[in-house]
Amino acid sequence: MDAADLDRRARTLSGCIPPLLVSRLLELGHEQEVEFQARRGEWFCAREWARLLGDRGRQAQALEVLAPYVATGWWPAGQAQAELLESWGRAAEAIALARPYARVGGFKLEFLARLLARHGRRDEAVGLLSAGIEDPALATALVEVAEGTGRDEDVAALLAARIPARHRCDEPWCCRGLDPDTAIGLLAVIRERQGRLDEAIALLRTRQVSSSGGRDRLADLLARHGRTGELRAYAAIEAHGNAARRLAELLEERGDLEGALAVYRQPDGPPAGGHPDTVELALLLARHGRGDEAIEVLRTLADAPGGAEDRIVHALCTQYAEHGRAREGVAHLDALRARRGGEEEEDVFRARLRLMADCGLLDEAIEQAGVYSGEDPGYAAGLIADLLAATGRTAEAVAILEQHAPYHHTALAGHLIELGRVEDAVALLQQREAEPFVPIWSGTFDAQPRP
């Protein structure tokens, strides 16, 4: 067993049984196969089998399963064993196992520090993480584990030192390590838990990039503390629509459905524009049993000039399907395709096929899938197999995919497992060797931080 080979297979999910199929094997009662493969170098089988053994009180056997993997020095195996040890109440052993890995820093150090913090050793965790303040992930962990240690001001000073008075990044690779906006956000977390809300709010208003991952820290802070008026004012100027979304969520949480709807129905709306708000409005209506209104909102937008974006049409198709109106959905897509001169994007076409299958037009859907795929029989096979499997015709899906096995090996293996052909599925997955990882970027970066 080799750490590099384990890592390559785990990252590429090639030449191995992937996690989803391991879970499916266990769900269908194939425990003996999972155990057998765990002892033959299948990492995802080993991880799940060890977890199951631990849950059944067979801790020594669980550690025996993981031992050959841990012996390679491969971190994911060490992490999995440490997590099991901790879950069994053996935190000291988990810490001892994780400590040598943490010497290289990064997420391994973060794992150790959080482990220490969970078991009464927060001061030690703060010390370890403070040395890695330039790493955004370690800085985030530092702020979290410092809570309750009396070290908030020490951490705040470290963060403040990394917030330049005038400089703001104007390109993605401007500042290395902990960028000013991240430092501002973390310092605001400390000020908030100290009860210094006005300072936290003032800090967050100085950020250059206000939103990340569809969330806005300032909007979330205002919502947490019930400062609805300030949140409403902020939503009116926030450029991405995330503050408006948080305001609507807050009103919905309070039972004010009409108020939440009004946020999305404002004629001016936030500067982000109407499309994201329209989807959120439709989802809000659907959550409260007003599916017909949700469909009407999305349909009106999709029919408007420039409104038939993939995201809008896909959301509309989802609502048609979930509310038993699949045939209407197909008719709407027909009209939309006609307006586009017969053209249809791939995601929209896939939604069309699902709607056709839902309303009893499976044969027609299969025929259209073949025509749409043109000269790519492998792609057509995938579309048709998905339709057949979704309608309970798994054996037919397998028959089609077997003609294009290298193209759809994972999907085919999943269907084989459903049919009880476990050995065939495993052999198919293991014969596909993992390819060496080749980074896309081959250049170099300037290691010197900019002033």
Protein backbone atom coordinates (compact mmCIF):
# COMPACT_ATOMS: atom_id res chain seq x y z
CA MET A 1 0.00 0.00 0.00
CA ASP A 2 1.42 3.37 -1.06
CA ALA A 3 0.45 6.85 0.19
CA ALA A 4 0.85 8.50 -3.21
CA ASP A 5 -1.33 5.88 -4.88
CA LEU A 6 -3.97 6.15 -2.15
CA ASP A 7 -3.99 9.92 -2.49
CA ARG A 8 -4.26 9.84 -6.28
CA ARG A 9 -7.16 7.40 -6.24
CA ALA A 10 -8.98 9.28 -3.49
CA ARG A 11 -8.66 12.61 -5.29
CA THR A 12 -9.58 11.35 -8.75
CA LEU A 13 -12.08 8.68 -7.61
CA SER A 14 -10.53 6.52 -10.30
CA GLY A 15 -9.51 2.90 -9.95
CA CYS A 16 -11.49 2.60 -6.72
CA ILE A 17 -14.98 2.22 -5.28
CA PRO A 18 -16.19 5.80 -4.65
CA PRO A 19 -17.87 6.83 -1.37
CA LEU A 20 -21.42 7.00 -2.73
CA LEU A 21 -21.23 3.44 -4.03
CA VAL A 22 -19.68 2.20 -0.79
CA SER A 23 -22.65 3.67 1.06
CA ARG A 24 -25.03 2.03 -1.40
CA LEU A 25 -23.37 -1.36 -0.94
CA LEU A 26 -23.89 -1.09 2.80
CA GLU A 27 -27.49 0.08 2.40
CA LEU A 28 -28.23 -2.98 0.28
CA GLY A 29 -26.67 -5.35 2.82
CA HIS A 30 -23.35 -6.12 1.09
CA GLU A 31 -21.25 -5.78 4.23
CA GLN A 32 -19.05 -8.78 3.45
CA GLU A 33 -18.02 -7.23 0.15
CA VAL A 34 -17.17 -3.93 1.82
CA GLU A 35 -15.12 -5.72 4.48
CA PHE A 36 -13.31 -7.79 1.85
CA GLN A 37 -12.46 -4.76 -0.26
CA ALA A 38 -11.38 -2.78 2.82
CA ARG A 39 -8.64 -5.35 3.41
CA ARG A 40 -7.58 -5.20 -0.26
CA GLY A 41 -6.68 -1.51 -0.34
CA GLU A 42 -10.03 0.15 -1.04
CA TRP A 43 -9.77 3.24 1.14
CA PHE A 44 -13.39 4.34 1.11
CA CYS A 45 -14.47 0.80 2.03
CA ALA A 46 -11.93 0.74 4.86
CA ARG A 47 -13.09 4.08 6.23
CA GLU A 48 -16.75 3.07 6.31
CA TRP A 49 -16.11 -0.44 7.58
CA ALA A 50 -13.96 0.89 10.44
CA ARG A 51 -16.69 3.34 11.36
CA LEU A 52 -19.30 0.58 11.42
CA LEU A 53 -17.10 -1.66 13.56
CA GLY A 54 -16.58 1.18 16.01
CA ASP A 55 -20.31 1.81 16.21
CA ARG A 56 -20.73 -1.85 17.11
CA GLY A 57 -18.18 -1.65 19.92
CA ARG A 58 -15.48 -3.52 18.02
CA GLN A 59 -12.86 -0.81 18.37
CA ALA A 60 -9.77 -3.01 18.17
CA GLN A 61 -10.96 -4.52 14.90
CA ALA A 62 -11.74 -1.06 13.53
CA LEU A 63 -8.20 0.09 14.24
CA GLU A 64 -6.87 -3.09 12.66
CA VAL A 65 -8.71 -2.25 9.42
CA LEU A 66 -7.18 1.24 9.32
CA ALA A 67 -3.68 0.22 10.45
CA PRO A 68 -2.15 -0.52 7.02
CA TYR A 69 -3.45 2.77 5.66
CA VAL A 70 -2.18 4.77 8.63
CA ALA A 71 1.19 3.05 8.35
CA THR A 72 1.76 4.69 4.96
CA GLY A 73 1.80 8.12 6.61
CA TRP A 74 -1.14 9.27 4.48
CA TRP A 75 -2.94 12.06 6.34
CA PRO A 76 -6.59 11.19 5.50
CA ALA A 77 -6.07 7.78 7.11
CA GLY A 78 -4.50 9.35 10.19
CA GLN A 79 -7.31 11.87 10.40
CA ALA A 80 -9.96 9.15 10.11
CA GLN A 81 -8.36 7.16 12.91
CA ALA A 82 -8.01 10.23 15.12
CA GLU A 83 -11.68 11.07 14.59
CA LEU A 84 -12.70 7.56 15.55
CA LEU A 85 -10.52 7.62 18.66
CA GLU A 86 -12.04 10.93 19.72
CA SER A 87 -15.58 9.61 19.14
CA TRP A 88 -14.77 6.67 21.41
CA GLY A 89 -13.64 8.97 24.24
CA ARG A 90 -9.95 8.36 23.61
CA ALA A 91 -8.98 11.98 22.96
CA ALA A 92 -5.44 11.69 24.33
CA GLU A 93 -4.65 8.98 21.78
CA ALA A 94 -6.21 11.05 19.01
CA ILE A 95 -4.07 14.05 19.94
CA ALA A 96 -0.90 11.95 20.06
CA LEU A 97 -1.71 10.53 16.63
CA ALA A 98 -2.42 13.92 15.03
CA ARG A 99 0.51 15.85 16.53
CA PRO A 100 3.30 14.61 14.20
CA TYR A 101 1.22 15.43 11.12
CA ALA A 102 0.56 18.97 12.40
CA ARG A 103 4.24 19.91 12.21
CA VAL A 104 3.81 20.80 8.53
CA GLY A 105 1.09 23.34 9.38
CA GLY A 106 -1.96 23.99 7.21
CA PHE A 107 -5.18 22.04 7.69
CA LYS A 108 -3.35 19.35 9.67
CA LEU A 109 -2.40 21.94 12.28
CA GLU A 110 -5.95 23.26 12.24
CA PHE A 111 -7.26 19.74 12.91
CA LEU A 112 -4.94 19.30 15.89
CA ALA A 113 -5.74 22.73 17.32
CA ARG A 114 -9.49 22.20 17.13
CA LEU A 115 -9.05 18.76 18.67
CA LEU A 116 -7.09 20.27 21.55
CA ALA A 117 -9.69 23.00 22.02
CA ARG A 118 -12.54 20.49 22.20
CA HIS A 119 -10.79 18.72 25.06
CA GLY A 120 -9.92 21.53 27.45
CA ARG A 121 -6.62 22.61 25.96
CA ARG A 122 -7.66 25.89 24.36
CA ASP A 123 -4.62 27.85 25.49
CA GLU A 124 -2.32 25.37 23.77
CA ALA A 125 -4.49 25.55 20.65
CA VAL A 126 -4.34 29.35 20.62
CA GLY A 127 -0.57 29.25 20.89
CA LEU A 128 -0.23 26.85 17.97
CA LEU A 129 -2.61 28.79 15.75
CA SER A 130 -1.18 32.22 16.56
CA ALA A 131 2.04 31.25 14.82
CA GLY A 132 0.04 30.56 11.65
CA ILE A 133 -1.97 33.77 11.58
CA GLU A 134 -1.04 34.41 7.93
CA ASP A 135 -3.05 31.38 6.83
CA PRO A 136 -6.74 32.41 6.50
CA ALA A 137 -7.99 28.99 7.62
CA LEU A 138 -5.73 28.99 10.69
CA ALA A 139 -6.70 32.58 11.49
CA THR A 140 -10.37 31.62 11.35
CA ALA A 141 -9.75 28.65 13.64
CA LEU A 142 -7.76 30.89 16.00
CA VAL A 143 -10.67 33.31 16.41
CA GLU A 144 -13.05 30.43 17.10
CA VAL A 145 -10.91 28.52 19.63
CA ALA A 146 -9.87 31.71 21.44
CA GLU A 147 -13.43 32.23 22.67
CA GLY A 148 -13.55 31.94 26.43
CA THR A 149 -9.78 31.88 26.92
CA GLY A 150 -9.36 35.55 27.84
CA ARG A 151 -7.09 35.96 24.83
CA ASP A 152 -9.47 37.91 22.59
CA GLU A 153 -7.44 41.12 22.74
CA ASP A 154 -4.22 39.29 21.90
CA VAL A 155 -5.86 37.77 18.82
CA ALA A 156 -7.48 41.09 17.93
CA ALA A 157 -4.07 42.75 17.96
CA LEU A 158 -2.67 40.13 15.59
CA LEU A 159 -5.58 40.72 13.20
CA ALA A 160 -5.46 44.51 13.43
CA ALA A 161 -1.79 44.44 12.46
CA ARG A 162 -2.81 42.85 9.18
CA ILE A 163 -5.35 45.52 8.22
CA PRO A 164 -3.44 48.26 6.38
CA ALA A 165 -4.73 51.79 6.82
CA ARG A 166 -4.89 52.64 3.13
CA HIS A 167 -4.07 49.65 0.94
CA ARG A 168 -6.85 47.56 -0.57
CA CYS A 169 -6.31 44.65 -2.93
CA ASP A 170 -7.20 45.37 -6.55
CA GLU A 171 -6.52 41.90 -7.97
CA PRO A 172 -6.94 38.30 -6.67
CA TRP A 173 -3.24 37.65 -6.05
CA CYS A 174 -2.41 41.04 -4.55
CA CYS A 175 -1.81 40.14 -0.89
CA ARG A 176 -0.44 36.77 0.11
CA GLY A 177 -1.77 35.00 3.17
CA LEU A 178 -4.39 36.72 5.30
CA ASP A 179 -5.99 39.42 3.14
CA PRO A 180 -7.38 42.62 4.72
CA ASP A 181 -11.06 41.78 4.16
CA THR A 182 -10.73 38.41 5.89
CA ALA A 183 -8.87 40.02 8.79
CA ILE A 184 -11.60 42.67 9.08
CA GLY A 185 -14.30 40.00 9.16
CA LEU A 186 -12.52 37.99 11.85
CA LEU A 187 -11.85 41.07 13.98
CA ALA A 188 -15.54 41.90 13.72
CA VAL A 189 -16.36 38.43 15.09
CA ILE A 190 -14.29 39.19 18.18
CA ARG A 191 -15.87 42.61 18.68
CA GLU A 192 -19.34 41.11 18.32
CA ARG A 193 -18.80 38.48 20.99
CA GLN A 194 -17.34 41.19 23.25
CA GLY A 195 -20.65 43.03 22.91
CA ARG A 196 -19.06 45.86 20.94
CA LEU A 197 -21.59 45.72 18.14
CA ASP A 198 -21.15 49.23 16.85
CA GLU A 199 -17.43 48.62 16.39
CA ALA A 200 -18.12 45.33 14.61
CA ILE A 201 -20.59 47.03 12.27
CA ALA A 202 -18.19 49.88 11.56
CA LEU A 203 -15.44 47.40 10.74
CA LEU A 204 -17.61 45.44 8.33
CA ARG A 205 -18.57 48.63 6.51
CA THR A 206 -14.91 49.12 5.57
CA ARG A 207 -14.63 45.88 3.58
CA GLN A 208 -13.81 46.07 -0.10
CA VAL A 209 -15.60 42.78 -0.90
CA SER A 210 -18.82 42.61 1.07
CA SER A 211 -20.10 39.14 0.18
CA SER A 212 -18.67 35.64 -0.07
CA GLY A 213 -20.39 32.38 -0.88
CA GLY A 214 -23.76 34.06 -1.21
CA ARG A 215 -23.65 35.46 2.34
CA ASP A 216 -22.90 38.90 3.71
CA ARG A 217 -21.29 39.15 7.16
CA LEU A 218 -22.79 42.55 7.95
CA ALA A 219 -26.29 41.46 6.98
CA ASP A 220 -25.95 38.32 9.08
CA LEU A 221 -24.73 40.33 12.08
CA LEU A 222 -27.60 42.81 11.84
CA ALA A 223 -30.09 39.95 11.55
CA ARG A 224 -28.64 38.11 14.55
CA HIS A 225 -29.18 41.14 16.73
CA GLY A 226 -32.61 42.08 15.41
CA ARG A 227 -31.48 45.39 13.94
CA THR A 228 -34.10 45.20 11.24
CA GLY A 229 -34.15 48.88 10.35
CA GLU A 230 -30.41 48.95 9.71
CA LEU A 231 -30.63 45.71 7.77
CA ARG A 232 -33.42 47.10 5.61
CA ALA A 233 -31.37 50.22 4.87
CA TYR A 234 -28.32 48.14 4.06
CA ALA A 235 -30.35 45.84 1.77
CA ALA A 236 -31.38 48.88 -0.26
CA ILE A 237 -27.75 49.60 -1.23
CA GLU A 238 -25.95 46.23 -1.05
CA ALA A 239 -24.88 45.35 -4.56
CA HIS A 240 -25.26 41.56 -4.61
CA GLY A 241 -28.75 41.09 -3.18
CA ASN A 242 -27.46 39.03 -0.24
CA ALA A 243 -28.60 41.56 2.35
CA ALA A 244 -32.08 41.60 0.83
CA ARG A 245 -32.13 37.80 0.96
CA ARG A 246 -31.11 37.86 4.64
CA LEU A 247 -33.82 40.43 5.40
CA ALA A 248 -36.42 38.23 3.73
CA GLU A 249 -35.15 35.20 5.67
CA LEU A 250 -35.41 37.12 8.93
CA LEU A 251 -38.97 38.21 8.22
CA GLU A 252 -39.93 34.68 7.21
CA GLU A 253 -38.41 33.32 10.45
CA ARG A 254 -40.60 35.76 12.37
CA GLY A 255 -43.73 34.59 10.56
CA ASP A 256 -44.06 37.73 8.46
CA LEU A 257 -44.53 36.04 5.10
CA GLU A 258 -46.03 39.08 3.39
CA GLY A 259 -43.14 41.22 4.57
CA ALA A 260 -40.66 38.70 3.20
CA LEU A 261 -42.48 38.59 -0.12
CA ALA A 262 -42.46 42.37 -0.28
CA VAL A 263 -38.65 42.41 -0.05
CA TYR A 264 -38.44 40.52 -3.33
CA ARG A 265 -41.34 42.32 -4.95
CA GLN A 266 -39.99 45.86 -4.54
CA PRO A 267 -40.11 47.51 -7.97
CA ASP A 268 -36.65 49.04 -7.60
CA GLY A 269 -35.04 46.06 -5.88
CA PRO A 270 -31.40 45.92 -4.85
CA PRO A 271 -28.76 46.84 -7.42
CA ALA A 272 -28.16 43.17 -8.22
CA GLY A 273 -31.19 43.17 -10.52
CA GLY A 274 -34.42 41.22 -10.61
CA HIS A 275 -33.50 37.70 -11.70
CA PRO A 276 -31.96 36.32 -8.48
CA ASP A 277 -34.75 37.96 -6.48
CA THR A 278 -37.39 36.41 -8.71
CA VAL A 279 -36.03 32.91 -8.12
CA GLU A 280 -35.91 33.54 -4.37
CA LEU A 281 -39.45 34.90 -4.49
CA ALA A 282 -40.64 31.75 -6.27
CA LEU A 283 -38.89 29.48 -3.79
CA LEU A 284 -40.41 31.40 -0.90
CA LEU A 285 -43.90 31.02 -2.37
CA ALA A 286 -43.35 27.31 -2.98
CA ARG A 287 -42.18 26.75 0.61
CA HIS A 288 -45.47 28.11 1.84
CA GLY A 289 -47.73 26.04 -0.38
CA ARG A 290 -48.21 28.63 -3.09
CA GLY A 291 -46.74 26.63 -5.95
CA ASP A 292 -49.07 28.01 -8.60
CA GLU A 293 -47.93 31.54 -7.81
CA ALA A 294 -44.31 30.41 -7.85
CA ILE A 295 -44.75 28.97 -11.34
CA GLU A 296 -46.48 32.12 -12.56
CA VAL A 297 -43.67 34.33 -11.24
CA LEU A 298 -40.98 32.27 -12.98
CA ARG A 299 -42.96 31.83 -16.17
CA THR A 300 -43.52 35.56 -16.48
CA LEU A 301 -39.81 36.19 -16.17
CA ALA A 302 -38.85 33.36 -18.55
CA ASP A 303 -41.23 34.77 -21.18
CA ALA A 304 -39.88 38.31 -20.84
CA PRO A 305 -37.16 39.54 -23.24
CA GLY A 306 -33.82 38.24 -21.98
CA GLY A 307 -35.43 36.42 -19.08
CA ALA A 308 -35.03 32.83 -20.28
CA GLU A 309 -31.70 32.26 -18.59
CA ASP A 310 -30.77 28.67 -17.81
CA ARG A 311 -31.15 29.21 -14.06
CA ILE A 312 -34.62 30.66 -14.46
CA VAL A 313 -35.82 27.97 -16.84
CA HIS A 314 -34.36 25.21 -14.70
CA ALA A 315 -36.11 26.58 -11.60
CA LEU A 316 -39.36 26.78 -13.55
CA CYS A 317 -39.03 23.17 -14.71
CA THR A 318 -38.37 22.06 -11.13
CA GLN A 319 -41.56 23.77 -9.96
CA TYR A 320 -43.59 22.23 -12.79
CA ALA A 321 -42.29 18.78 -11.84
CA GLU A 322 -42.80 19.19 -8.10
CA HIS A 323 -46.38 20.37 -8.51
CA GLY A 324 -47.56 17.69 -10.91
CA ARG A 325 -47.67 19.95 -13.94
CA ALA A 326 -45.03 18.25 -16.05
CA ARG A 327 -47.04 18.34 -19.27
CA GLU A 328 -47.47 22.11 -18.98
CA GLY A 329 -43.75 22.36 -18.43
CA VAL A 330 -43.04 20.49 -21.65
CA ALA A 331 -45.41 22.76 -23.56
CA HIS A 332 -43.69 25.83 -22.15
CA LEU A 333 -40.28 24.50 -23.18
CA ASP A 334 -41.66 23.79 -26.65
CA ALA A 335 -42.72 27.41 -26.99
CA LEU A 336 -39.41 28.66 -25.63
CA ARG A 337 -37.43 26.48 -28.02
CA ALA A 338 -39.52 27.72 -30.95
CA ARG A 339 -38.74 31.34 -30.00
CA ARG A 340 -35.04 30.46 -29.97
CA GLY A 341 -35.12 29.02 -33.45
CA GLY A 342 -35.03 25.40 -32.27
CA GLU A 343 -32.01 25.84 -29.98
CA GLU A 344 -31.93 24.54 -26.40
CA GLU A 345 -29.14 24.54 -23.82
CA GLU A 346 -28.00 21.21 -22.38
CA ASP A 347 -29.29 21.80 -18.83
CA VAL A 348 -32.67 22.87 -20.17
CA PHE A 349 -32.81 19.86 -22.47
CA ARG A 350 -32.09 17.52 -19.54
CA ALA A 351 -34.92 19.17 -17.62
CA ARG A 352 -37.16 18.64 -20.65
CA LEU A 353 -36.38 14.91 -20.67
CA ARG A 354 -37.25 14.57 -16.99
CA LEU A 355 -40.53 16.39 -17.50
CA MET A 356 -41.40 14.20 -20.48
CA ALA A 357 -40.71 11.05 -18.48
CA ASP A 358 -42.83 12.39 -15.59
CA CYS A 359 -45.86 12.87 -17.83
CA GLY A 360 -45.68 9.48 -19.55
CA LEU A 361 -43.72 10.47 -22.64
CA LEU A 362 -40.70 8.27 -21.91
CA ASP A 363 -40.40 6.78 -25.39
CA GLU A 364 -40.58 10.22 -26.97
CA ALA A 365 -37.95 11.45 -24.50
CA ILE A 366 -35.62 8.59 -25.43
CA GLU A 367 -36.05 9.37 -29.11
CA GLN A 368 -35.30 13.06 -28.54
CA ALA A 369 -32.20 12.20 -26.49
CA GLY A 370 -30.81 10.24 -29.41
CA VAL A 371 -31.49 13.04 -31.86
CA TYR A 372 -30.10 15.75 -29.56
CA SER A 373 -26.83 13.87 -29.02
CA GLY A 374 -26.22 13.64 -32.76
CA GLU A 375 -22.96 11.88 -33.52
CA ASP A 376 -22.02 11.26 -29.87
CA PRO A 377 -23.51 7.85 -29.01
CA GLY A 378 -21.78 7.75 -25.65
CA TYR A 379 -23.46 10.96 -24.52
CA ALA A 380 -26.84 9.73 -25.81
CA ALA A 381 -26.40 6.49 -23.89
CA GLY A 382 -25.97 8.43 -20.66
CA LEU A 383 -29.09 10.50 -21.22
CA ILE A 384 -31.21 7.49 -22.13
CA ALA A 385 -29.89 5.37 -19.26
CA ASP A 386 -30.72 8.11 -16.78
CA LEU A 387 -34.28 8.19 -18.07
CA LEU A 388 -34.67 4.42 -17.92
CA ALA A 389 -33.21 4.13 -14.44
CA ALA A 390 -35.38 6.97 -13.12
CA THR A 391 -38.47 5.10 -14.31
CA GLY A 392 -37.45 1.76 -12.78
CA ARG A 393 -36.03 0.16 -15.94
CA THR A 394 -32.56 -0.36 -14.52
CA ALA A 395 -31.77 -3.53 -16.47
CA GLU A 396 -32.37 -1.69 -19.74
CA ALA A 397 -30.18 1.17 -18.55
CA VAL A 398 -27.38 -1.31 -17.85
CA ALA A 399 -27.75 -2.90 -21.28
CA ILE A 400 -27.28 0.47 -22.93
CA LEU A 401 -24.35 1.60 -20.75
CA GLU A 402 -22.51 -1.69 -21.17
CA GLN A 403 -22.03 -0.76 -24.82
CA HIS A 404 -20.17 2.37 -23.67
CA ALA A 405 -18.64 1.12 -20.41
CA PRO A 406 -15.48 3.26 -20.33
CA TYR A 407 -17.58 6.38 -20.91
CA HIS A 408 -20.00 5.77 -18.04
CA HIS A 409 -18.19 3.37 -15.72
CA THR A 410 -19.36 4.89 -12.44
CA ALA A 411 -23.01 5.16 -13.46
CA LEU A 412 -22.93 1.64 -14.87
CA ALA A 413 -21.37 0.30 -11.68
CA GLY A 414 -24.08 1.96 -9.62
CA HIS A 415 -26.83 0.34 -11.70
CA LEU A 416 -25.09 -3.04 -11.49
CA ILE A 417 -25.07 -2.76 -7.71
CA GLU A 418 -28.79 -2.02 -7.76
CA LEU A 419 -29.30 -5.24 -9.74
CA GLY A 420 -27.22 -7.26 -7.29
CA ARG A 421 -24.29 -7.70 -9.70
CA VAL A 422 -21.77 -6.56 -7.12
CA GLU A 423 -18.74 -8.44 -8.39
CA ASP A 424 -19.23 -7.06 -11.90
CA ALA A 425 -19.56 -3.53 -10.49
CA VAL A 426 -16.41 -3.77 -8.40
CA ALA A 427 -14.39 -5.26 -11.25
CA LEU A 428 -15.51 -2.43 -13.54
CA LEU A 429 -14.50 0.24 -11.05
CA GLN A 430 -11.13 -1.28 -10.22
CA GLN A 431 -10.05 -1.83 -13.80
CA ARG A 432 -10.06 1.91 -14.48
CA GLU A 433 -6.64 2.95 -13.32
CA ALA A 434 -6.11 6.37 -11.79
CA GLU A 435 -4.23 8.83 -13.96
CA PRO A 436 -1.33 10.85 -12.50
CA PHE A 437 -2.35 14.30 -11.33
CA VAL A 438 -0.98 17.08 -13.54
CA PRO A 439 -1.47 20.65 -12.25
CA ILE A 440 -2.96 23.01 -14.80
CA TRP A 441 -0.78 25.94 -13.68
CA SER A 442 2.84 25.48 -14.72
CA GLY A 443 4.16 28.98 -14.09
CA THR A 444 5.50 30.65 -10.96
CA PHE A 445 4.24 33.29 -8.58
CA ASP A 446 6.17 36.18 -7.10
CA ALA A 447 6.79 35.07 -3.52
CA GLN A 448 7.31 38.61 -2.27
CA PRO A 449 4.18 40.24 -0.79
CA ARG A 450 3.26 43.60 -2.19
CA PRO A 451 3.33 46.63 0.10
